[in-house]
Amino acid sequence: MAVDPICKMQVDEKTAKWKSEYKGKTYYFCAPGCKKKFDSDPDKYLK
């Protein structure tokens, strides 16, 4: 299970509908809102 970097929910990589690539790594999200926040400023959420 992956962890959504925005809300910290666990997300199953196999069924995740929303994901982003950043600096060679794939991040998974529980909802489109989390993906949108991450995509707007990834470094803010990866500290």
N, C-alpha and C. Protein backbone atom coordinates (compact mmCIF):
# COMPACT_ATOMS: atom_id res chain seq x y z
N MET A 1 0.84 -1.19 0.00
CA MET A 1 0.00 0.00 0.00
C MET A 1 0.88 1.24 0.00
N ALA A 2 0.46 2.20 -0.80
CA ALA A 2 1.14 3.50 -0.82
C ALA A 2 0.41 4.44 0.14
N VAL A 3 1.07 5.52 0.48
CA VAL A 3 0.46 6.52 1.35
C VAL A 3 0.28 7.81 0.55
N ASP A 4 -0.94 8.31 0.53
CA ASP A 4 -1.24 9.59 -0.13
C ASP A 4 -0.42 10.67 0.58
N PRO A 5 0.47 11.37 -0.14
CA PRO A 5 1.32 12.37 0.52
C PRO A 5 0.56 13.59 1.03
N ILE A 6 -0.67 13.75 0.62
CA ILE A 6 -1.45 14.91 1.08
C ILE A 6 -2.21 14.61 2.35
N CYS A 7 -3.05 13.58 2.35
CA CYS A 7 -3.91 13.31 3.51
C CYS A 7 -3.43 12.12 4.34
N LYS A 8 -2.39 11.43 3.88
CA LYS A 8 -1.77 10.30 4.58
C LYS A 8 -2.64 9.04 4.61
N MET A 9 -3.70 8.99 3.78
CA MET A 9 -4.51 7.77 3.68
C MET A 9 -3.73 6.71 2.91
N GLN A 10 -4.00 5.44 3.21
CA GLN A 10 -3.38 4.37 2.45
C GLN A 10 -4.13 4.18 1.14
N VAL A 11 -3.37 3.99 0.06
CA VAL A 11 -3.94 3.84 -1.27
C VAL A 11 -3.34 2.60 -1.91
N ASP A 12 -4.18 1.75 -2.46
CA ASP A 12 -3.72 0.54 -3.15
C ASP A 12 -3.21 0.94 -4.54
N GLU A 13 -1.93 0.70 -4.78
CA GLU A 13 -1.33 1.10 -6.06
C GLU A 13 -2.01 0.43 -7.25
N LYS A 14 -2.52 -0.77 -7.06
CA LYS A 14 -3.13 -1.53 -8.16
C LYS A 14 -4.47 -0.96 -8.59
N THR A 15 -5.18 -0.31 -7.68
CA THR A 15 -6.51 0.19 -8.02
C THR A 15 -6.60 1.71 -7.97
N ALA A 16 -5.51 2.38 -7.67
CA ALA A 16 -5.54 3.84 -7.55
C ALA A 16 -5.93 4.49 -8.88
N LYS A 17 -6.87 5.41 -8.81
CA LYS A 17 -7.31 6.11 -10.02
C LYS A 17 -6.45 7.34 -10.30
N TRP A 18 -5.86 7.88 -9.24
CA TRP A 18 -5.10 9.12 -9.41
C TRP A 18 -3.66 8.91 -8.98
N LYS A 19 -2.76 9.26 -9.87
CA LYS A 19 -1.34 9.15 -9.55
C LYS A 19 -0.56 10.21 -10.33
N SER A 20 0.64 10.50 -9.84
CA SER A 20 1.51 11.47 -10.47
C SER A 20 2.94 10.96 -10.43
N GLU A 21 3.68 11.32 -11.44
CA GLU A 21 5.12 11.03 -11.46
C GLU A 21 5.84 12.30 -11.08
N TYR A 22 6.81 12.17 -10.19
CA TYR A 22 7.60 13.33 -9.80
C TYR A 22 9.00 12.88 -9.45
N LYS A 23 9.99 13.43 -10.14
CA LYS A 23 11.39 13.10 -9.93
C LYS A 23 11.62 11.58 -9.96
N GLY A 24 10.99 10.91 -10.92
CA GLY A 24 11.22 9.50 -11.11
C GLY A 24 10.47 8.56 -10.18
N LYS A 25 9.59 9.11 -9.34
CA LYS A 25 8.84 8.28 -8.41
C LYS A 25 7.34 8.49 -8.65
N THR A 26 6.56 7.43 -8.45
CA THR A 26 5.12 7.52 -8.62
C THR A 26 4.45 7.73 -7.27
N TYR A 27 3.56 8.69 -7.20
CA TYR A 27 2.79 8.98 -5.98
C TYR A 27 1.33 8.69 -6.26
N TYR A 28 0.65 8.12 -5.27
CA TYR A 28 -0.75 7.72 -5.43
C TYR A 28 -1.63 8.54 -4.51
N PHE A 29 -2.85 8.81 -4.99
CA PHE A 29 -3.76 9.69 -4.25
C PHE A 29 -5.14 9.05 -4.08
N CYS A 30 -5.80 9.42 -2.98
CA CYS A 30 -7.12 8.85 -2.70
C CYS A 30 -8.22 9.57 -3.46
N ALA A 31 -7.95 10.80 -3.88
CA ALA A 31 -8.99 11.60 -4.53
C ALA A 31 -8.35 12.63 -5.47
N PRO A 32 -9.12 13.13 -6.44
CA PRO A 32 -8.55 14.10 -7.39
C PRO A 32 -8.10 15.39 -6.71
N GLY A 33 -8.73 15.74 -5.61
CA GLY A 33 -8.33 16.96 -4.90
C GLY A 33 -6.92 16.84 -4.34
N CYS A 34 -6.57 15.67 -3.83
CA CYS A 34 -5.22 15.45 -3.30
C CYS A 34 -4.20 15.50 -4.43
N LYS A 35 -4.53 14.90 -5.56
CA LYS A 35 -3.62 14.94 -6.71
C LYS A 35 -3.41 16.38 -7.18
N LYS A 36 -4.46 17.15 -7.23
CA LYS A 36 -4.37 18.54 -7.68
C LYS A 36 -3.47 19.35 -6.75
N LYS A 37 -3.63 19.16 -5.45
CA LYS A 37 -2.78 19.87 -4.48
C LYS A 37 -1.32 19.50 -4.67
N PHE A 38 -1.07 18.20 -4.80
CA PHE A 38 0.30 17.71 -4.98
C PHE A 38 0.91 18.27 -6.26
N ASP A 39 0.18 18.20 -7.35
CA ASP A 39 0.70 18.65 -8.65
C ASP A 39 1.01 20.14 -8.66
N SER A 40 0.32 20.92 -7.85
CA SER A 40 0.55 22.37 -7.84
C SER A 40 1.86 22.74 -7.15
N ASP A 41 2.32 21.90 -6.19
CA ASP A 41 3.56 22.21 -5.47
C ASP A 41 4.08 20.94 -4.78
N PRO A 42 4.62 19.99 -5.55
CA PRO A 42 5.04 18.70 -4.97
C PRO A 42 6.05 18.83 -3.83
N ASP A 43 6.99 19.73 -3.96
CA ASP A 43 8.02 19.86 -2.91
C ASP A 43 7.43 20.24 -1.56
N LYS A 44 6.34 20.97 -1.56
CA LYS A 44 5.69 21.38 -0.31
C LYS A 44 5.24 20.16 0.50
N TYR A 45 4.79 19.12 -0.21
CA TYR A 45 4.23 17.95 0.48
C TYR A 45 5.21 16.80 0.67
N LEU A 46 6.42 16.95 0.16
CA LEU A 46 7.41 15.88 0.28
C LEU A 46 8.49 16.21 1.30
N LYS A 47 8.30 17.22 2.08
CA LYS A 47 9.30 17.60 3.09
C LYS A 47 9.28 16.63 4.25
